[in-house]
Protein backbone atom coordinates (compact mmCIF):
# COMPACT_ATOMS: atom_id res chain seq x y z
CA UNK A 1 0.00 0.00 0.00
CA UNK A 2 1.07 3.58 -0.63
CA UNK A 3 1.33 5.96 2.31
CA UNK A 4 -2.08 7.57 1.77
CA UNK A 5 -3.76 4.19 1.26
CA UNK A 6 -2.04 2.86 4.39
CA UNK A 7 -3.32 5.79 6.44
CA UNK A 8 -6.87 5.34 5.14
CA UNK A 9 -6.64 1.59 5.82
CA UNK A 10 -5.59 2.14 9.43
CA UNK A 11 -8.45 4.60 9.98
CA UNK A 12 -11.15 2.18 8.77
CA UNK A 13 -13.55 0.59 11.25
CA UNK A 14 -12.22 -2.75 12.51
CA UNK A 15 -14.63 -4.96 10.49
CA UNK A 16 -13.80 -3.13 7.27
CA UNK A 17 -10.08 -3.27 7.88
CA UNK A 18 -10.22 -7.03 8.48
CA UNK A 19 -12.30 -7.53 5.34
CA UNK A 20 -9.79 -5.63 3.18
CA UNK A 21 -6.90 -7.69 4.55
CA UNK A 22 -8.73 -10.96 3.88
CA UNK A 23 -9.71 -9.74 0.38
CA UNK A 24 -6.05 -9.00 -0.36
CA UNK A 25 -5.05 -12.50 0.75
CA UNK A 26 -7.77 -13.99 -1.44
CA UNK A 27 -6.59 -12.07 -4.53
CA UNK A 28 -2.98 -13.02 -3.94
CA UNK A 29 -3.21 -16.64 -2.83
CA UNK A 30 -6.49 -17.95 -4.26
CA UNK A 31 -6.89 -16.00 -7.51
CA UNK A 32 -3.12 -15.72 -7.97
CA UNK A 33 -3.35 -12.08 -9.08
CA UNK A 34 -0.13 -10.15 -9.67
CA UNK A 35 1.32 -7.92 -6.95
CA UNK A 36 0.46 -4.88 -9.07
CA UNK A 37 -3.20 -5.96 -9.45
CA UNK A 38 -3.56 -6.74 -5.74
CA UNK A 39 -2.11 -3.34 -4.82
CA UNK A 40 -4.43 -1.53 -7.25
CA UNK A 41 -7.58 -3.40 -6.16
CA UNK A 42 -6.83 -3.02 -2.45
CA UNK A 43 -6.22 0.71 -2.94
CA UNK A 44 -9.56 1.05 -4.71
CA UNK A 45 -11.44 -0.94 -2.06
CA UNK A 46 -9.84 1.04 0.77
CA UNK A 47 -10.97 4.23 -0.99
CA UNK A 48 -14.50 2.81 -1.31
CA UNK A 49 -14.71 1.73 2.33
CA UNK A 50 -13.29 5.05 3.52
CA UNK A 51 -16.08 6.78 1.60
CA UNK A 52 -18.63 4.31 3.02
CA UNK A 53 -17.40 4.94 6.57
CA UNK A 54 -17.83 8.68 6.05
CA UNK A 55 -21.43 7.92 5.04
CA UNK A 56 -22.03 6.05 8.31
CA UNK A 57 -21.19 2.46 7.36
CA UNK A 58 -19.31 0.43 9.97
CA UNK A 59 -18.94 -2.96 8.23
CA UNK A 60 -18.96 -4.40 4.68
CA UNK A 61 -22.53 -5.57 5.27
CA UNK A 62 -23.67 -1.94 5.41
CA UNK A 63 -22.71 -1.31 1.79
CA UNK A 64 -25.48 -0.70 -0.72
CA UNK A 65 -25.66 0.42 -4.33
CA UNK A 66 -26.22 4.05 -3.32
CA UNK A 67 -22.87 4.09 -1.48
CA UNK A 68 -21.05 2.59 -4.46
CA UNK A 69 -22.60 5.06 -6.89
CA UNK A 70 -21.89 7.96 -4.55
CA UNK A 71 -18.25 6.90 -4.34
CA UNK A 72 -17.83 6.79 -8.12
CA UNK A 73 -19.65 10.11 -8.51
CA UNK A 74 -17.29 11.73 -6.02
CA UNK A 75 -14.26 10.37 -7.88
CA UNK A 76 -15.69 11.70 -11.13
CA UNK A 77 -16.10 15.21 -9.68
CA UNK A 78 -12.46 15.04 -8.54
CA UNK A 79 -11.41 14.58 -12.16
CA UNK A 80 -11.01 10.81 -12.36
CA UNK A 81 -10.38 9.59 -15.92
CA UNK A 82 -12.88 7.19 -17.46
CA UNK A 83 -10.30 4.41 -17.59
CA UNK A 84 -9.53 4.91 -13.91
CA UNK A 85 -13.22 4.96 -12.98
CA UNK A 86 -13.81 1.78 -14.98
CA UNK A 87 -11.02 0.03 -13.09
CA UNK A 88 -12.34 1.24 -9.74
CA UNK A 89 -15.83 0.01 -10.59
CA UNK A 90 -14.36 -3.39 -11.48
CA UNK A 91 -12.53 -3.51 -8.14
CA UNK A 92 -15.75 -2.63 -6.28
CA UNK A 93 -17.67 -5.39 -8.09
CA UNK A 94 -14.93 -7.92 -7.39
CA UNK A 95 -14.92 -7.02 -3.69
CA UNK A 96 -18.72 -7.07 -3.48
CA UNK A 97 -18.94 -10.51 -5.11
CA UNK A 98 -16.23 -11.85 -2.80
CA UNK A 99 -17.91 -10.39 0.29
CA UNK A 100 -21.27 -11.85 -0.75
CA UNK A 101 -19.79 -15.33 -1.26
CA UNK A 102 -18.13 -15.09 2.14
CA UNK A 103 -21.31 -14.05 3.93
CA UNK A 104 -20.17 -10.48 4.65
CA UNK A 105 -22.84 -9.05 2.34
CA UNK A 106 -26.44 -10.30 2.15
CA UNK A 107 -26.74 -9.07 -1.43
CA UNK A 108 -24.07 -8.67 -4.10
CA UNK A 109 -24.68 -4.94 -4.46
CA UNK A 110 -21.78 -4.51 -6.87
CA UNK A 111 -23.60 -6.56 -9.51
CA UNK A 112 -25.87 -3.54 -10.07
CA UNK A 113 -22.95 -1.15 -10.56
CA UNK A 114 -22.56 -0.04 -14.17
CA UNK A 115 -19.06 0.36 -15.59
CA UNK A 116 -18.17 3.86 -16.79
CA UNK A 117 -17.29 3.36 -20.45
CA UNK A 118 -13.63 4.00 -21.07
CA UNK A 119 -12.50 5.92 -24.11
CA UNK A 120 -10.43 3.36 -25.99
CA UNK A 121 -7.85 5.16 -28.07
CA UNK A 122 -6.50 3.16 -30.96
CA UNK A 123 -3.00 1.97 -30.11
CA UNK A 124 -0.09 3.52 -31.97
CA UNK A 125 1.40 1.04 -34.41
CA UNK A 126 4.28 1.06 -36.84
CA UNK A 127 3.91 0.23 -40.49
CA UNK A 128 5.54 -3.06 -41.48
CA UNK A 129 8.52 -1.32 -43.09
CA UNK A 130 8.97 0.87 -39.99
CA UNK A 131 8.95 -2.21 -37.74
CA UNK A 132 11.69 -3.69 -39.94
CA UNK A 133 13.72 -0.48 -39.59
CA UNK A 134 13.39 -0.65 -35.82
CA UNK A 135 14.48 -4.27 -35.38
CA UNK A 136 17.49 -3.64 -37.65
CA UNK A 137 18.44 -0.40 -35.87
CA UNK A 138 21.17 -1.96 -33.62
CA UNK A 139 23.19 -2.69 -36.76
CA UNK A 140 25.54 -5.56 -37.57
CA UNK A 141 28.28 -4.97 -34.97
CA UNK A 142 29.12 -7.95 -32.74
CA UNK A 143 29.28 -6.03 -29.44
CA UNK A 144 27.44 -8.10 -26.77
CA UNK A 145 24.86 -5.44 -25.91
CA UNK A 146 24.09 -4.79 -29.58
CA UNK A 147 23.62 -8.52 -30.21
CA UNK A 148 21.30 -8.62 -27.22
CA UNK A 149 19.34 -5.56 -28.34
CA UNK A 150 18.87 -6.97 -31.83
CA UNK A 151 17.58 -10.26 -30.38
CA UNK A 152 15.27 -8.41 -27.98
CA UNK A 153 13.75 -6.28 -30.73
CA UNK A 154 13.38 -9.20 -33.13
CA UNK A 155 11.70 -11.39 -30.49
CA UNK A 156 9.35 -8.66 -29.27
CA UNK A 157 8.11 -7.98 -32.79
CA UNK A 158 8.15 -11.62 -33.93
CA UNK A 159 6.04 -12.86 -31.01
CA UNK A 160 4.09 -9.87 -29.68
CA UNK A 161 4.88 -10.96 -26.12
CA UNK A 162 4.72 -8.52 -23.22
CA UNK A 163 7.92 -6.92 -21.94
CA UNK A 164 7.51 -8.68 -18.58
CA UNK A 165 7.15 -12.01 -20.39
CA UNK A 166 10.29 -11.34 -22.43
CA UNK A 167 12.34 -10.45 -19.35
CA UNK A 168 11.10 -13.58 -17.57
CA UNK A 169 12.36 -15.94 -20.27
CA UNK A 170 15.05 -18.51 -19.46
CA UNK A 171 17.25 -20.19 -22.06
CA UNK A 172 15.28 -23.40 -21.60
CA UNK A 173 12.10 -21.61 -22.72
CA UNK A 174 13.46 -21.23 -26.25
CA UNK A 175 13.02 -24.20 -28.60
CA UNK A 176 15.24 -23.24 -31.50
CA UNK A 177 14.50 -26.44 -33.41
CA UNK A 178 10.78 -25.72 -33.64
CA UNK A 179 11.24 -21.93 -33.36
CA UNK A 180 8.82 -21.69 -30.43
CA UNK A 181 9.16 -19.84 -27.14
CA UNK A 182 7.39 -20.91 -23.95
CA UNK A 183 5.90 -17.90 -22.21
CA UNK A 184 4.45 -17.55 -18.71
CA UNK A 185 1.83 -14.80 -18.93
CA UNK A 186 -0.74 -13.20 -16.65
CA UNK A 187 -2.07 -15.49 -13.94
CA UNK A 188 0.92 -17.80 -14.47
CA UNK A 189 -0.74 -19.15 -17.62
CA UNK A 190 1.67 -20.79 -20.05
CA UNK A 191 1.47 -20.55 -23.80
CA UNK A 192 3.75 -21.40 -26.71
CA UNK A 193 4.41 -18.69 -29.29
CA UNK A 194 6.12 -19.31 -32.63
CA UNK A 195 8.64 -16.91 -34.15
CA UNK A 196 10.38 -16.58 -37.50
CA UNK A 197 13.83 -17.15 -38.93
CA UNK A 198 15.17 -13.57 -38.44
CA UNK A 199 14.41 -13.79 -34.70
CA UNK A 200 16.08 -17.23 -34.54
CA UNK A 201 19.21 -15.92 -36.24
CA UNK A 202 19.36 -12.96 -33.82
CA UNK A 203 18.88 -15.29 -30.84
CA UNK A 204 21.57 -17.64 -32.12
CA UNK A 205 24.04 -14.75 -32.46
CA UNK A 206 23.23 -13.51 -28.96
CA UNK A 207 23.52 -16.93 -27.33
CA UNK A 208 26.63 -17.94 -29.24
CA UNK A 209 28.58 -14.68 -29.31
CA UNK A 210 27.10 -12.22 -26.82
CA UNK A 211 25.61 -13.75 -23.69
CA UNK A 212 28.81 -15.25 -22.27
CA UNK A 213 30.44 -11.79 -22.30
CA UNK A 214 27.80 -10.37 -19.96
CA UNK A 215 27.14 -13.49 -17.85
CA UNK A 216 28.13 -13.47 -14.20
CA UNK A 217 27.26 -14.90 -10.80
CA UNK A 218 23.73 -13.45 -10.86
CA UNK A 219 22.83 -14.53 -14.41
CA UNK A 220 21.25 -17.88 -13.63
CA UNK A 221 19.49 -19.25 -16.70
CA UNK A 222 18.05 -15.89 -17.78
CA UNK A 223 17.83 -15.59 -21.55
CA UNK A 224 18.56 -11.87 -21.67
CA UNK A 225 21.08 -10.16 -19.40
CA UNK A 226 21.72 -6.59 -18.35
CA UNK A 227 25.10 -4.86 -18.49
CA UNK A 228 25.99 -6.15 -14.99
CA UNK A 229 25.06 -9.75 -15.73
CA UNK A 230 21.69 -9.91 -13.98
CA UNK A 231 18.37 -10.63 -15.64
CA UNK A 232 17.41 -7.88 -18.10
CA UNK A 233 14.80 -5.55 -16.57
CA UNK A 234 11.65 -4.16 -18.28
CA UNK A 235 12.77 -0.56 -17.67
CA UNK A 236 15.94 -1.22 -19.68
CA UNK A 237 13.94 -2.79 -22.52
CA UNK A 238 11.56 0.19 -22.63
CA UNK A 239 14.53 2.53 -22.78
CA UNK A 240 16.27 0.65 -25.58
CA UNK A 241 13.09 0.33 -27.70
CA UNK A 242 12.43 4.05 -27.36
CA UNK A 243 16.07 4.92 -28.02
CA UNK A 244 16.39 2.85 -31.19
CA UNK A 245 13.08 4.20 -32.52
CA UNK A 246 14.28 7.76 -31.98
CA UNK A 247 17.68 7.02 -33.56
CA UNK A 248 15.96 5.56 -36.62
CA UNK A 249 13.72 8.61 -37.00
CA UNK A 250 10.58 6.60 -36.19
CA UNK A 251 7.57 7.61 -34.06
CA UNK A 252 7.95 7.16 -30.32
CA UNK A 253 7.71 3.45 -29.61
CA UNK A 254 7.45 1.18 -26.57
CA UNK A 255 7.54 -2.62 -26.16
CA UNK A 256 3.76 -2.51 -25.91
CA UNK A 257 3.67 -0.55 -29.17
CA UNK A 258 5.66 -3.36 -30.81
CA UNK A 259 3.10 -5.82 -29.40
CA UNK A 260 0.31 -3.73 -30.98
CA UNK A 261 2.24 -3.61 -34.24
CA UNK A 262 2.79 -7.36 -34.34
CA UNK A 263 -0.91 -8.07 -33.72
CA UNK A 264 -2.03 -5.57 -36.34
CA UNK A 265 0.35 -6.91 -38.97
CA UNK A 266 -0.76 -10.49 -38.27
CA UNK A 267 -4.40 -9.56 -38.84
CA UNK A 268 -3.59 -7.49 -41.91
CA UNK A 269 -1.75 -10.54 -43.26
CA UNK A 270 -4.89 -12.67 -42.88
CA UNK A 271 -4.38 -14.31 -39.49
CA UNK A 272 -7.51 -15.55 -37.70
CA UNK A 273 -8.62 -13.36 -34.79
CA UNK A 274 -8.75 -16.30 -32.36
CA UNK A 275 -5.25 -17.37 -33.37
CA UNK A 276 -3.99 -13.86 -32.59
CA UNK A 277 -5.83 -13.99 -29.26
CA UNK A 278 -3.99 -17.21 -28.40
CA UNK A 279 -0.62 -15.81 -29.48
CA UNK A 280 -1.05 -12.65 -27.40
CA UNK A 281 -2.38 -14.49 -24.35
CA UNK A 282 -5.60 -12.48 -24.15
CA UNK A 283 -8.21 -13.99 -21.83
CA UNK A 284 -11.03 -12.33 -23.80
CA UNK A 285 -11.53 -12.10 -27.54
CA UNK A 286 -12.90 -8.59 -27.00
CA UNK A 287 -9.43 -7.44 -26.00
CA UNK A 288 -7.99 -8.73 -29.28
CA UNK A 289 -10.75 -7.18 -31.38
CA UNK A 290 -9.35 -3.68 -30.91
CA UNK A 291 -6.70 -4.61 -33.48
CA UNK A 292 -9.39 -5.08 -36.12
CA UNK A 293 -10.26 -1.41 -35.59
CA UNK A 294 -6.61 -0.49 -36.07
CA UNK A 295 -6.53 -2.36 -39.38
CA UNK A 296 -9.83 -0.79 -40.47
CA UNK A 297 -8.49 2.69 -39.74
CA UNK A 298 -5.49 1.97 -41.94
CA UNK A 299 -7.78 0.67 -44.66
CA UNK A 300 -9.86 3.84 -44.50
CA UNK A 301 -6.75 6.01 -44.57
CA UNK A 302 -5.42 4.19 -47.64
CA UNK A 303 -8.81 4.50 -49.33
CA UNK A 304 -9.08 8.24 -48.62
CA UNK A 305 -5.55 8.80 -49.93
CA UNK A 306 -5.81 6.69 -53.07
CA UNK A 307 -9.41 6.51 -54.27
CA UNK A 308 -10.45 9.30 -56.67
CA UNK A 309 -14.00 9.31 -55.25
CA UNK A 310 -13.04 9.07 -51.57
């Protein structure tokens, strides 16, 4: 918990404070949510219960739909973004459902709480030729860090995996014979993702010529290493992706932008939407469908530019 959340947590009535602590344990140990998700949900629920306590509630059982709606309305007047409000509403519904199952709430009041619709901006994506420029930006030099960077960029674009998934890879997760990488995604769910020959060649160069130069006592079996020999960190990957994009004169780019680009290019090349969902590790097909909008926007742009009657 952050300092402000911790202070609010300590000021809650005893029954509410105990409920939040038990909810956090449930998210972490039963639902196996990430530390980041647990922290975010607990912060949201503490905010909700603090608001409820100010309205006279002393225990989770005192919550009703009016309290939940009042809480969201207050956050909206304080300038909360739609995406933030949508996440907070989801946290409130998750807590309410959990409390109802556990007998702390007679009625699952959160089930009646509507989700504020988030404005979904289309993700920034590179054109195929721009993506090629980016992955080739480290050049042909055999310096260990450049070999690593080239392999990182190739694998990110070839697979569309998340930056956290990339940094979590071990050497044993790469099957060079079948050109498949085993990825552990959200909720510790495993999936296998294929990649192409350019990524394999970059990986081979890194493993054969580069990795041993950076390896040290803290390397373990990590596939990608930082300058000091430890496992490569997501912050470093974000910095190198952004830096190479800038050096190549490309739009600002992040690892997540490369993930968007890979998904969009797969769909534009004729890949099935459900196959892309599986490759990206999306739990819901609705999450993957945003990429069809990206492709449609490109189609419209090409039509407007080229068609004489556009």
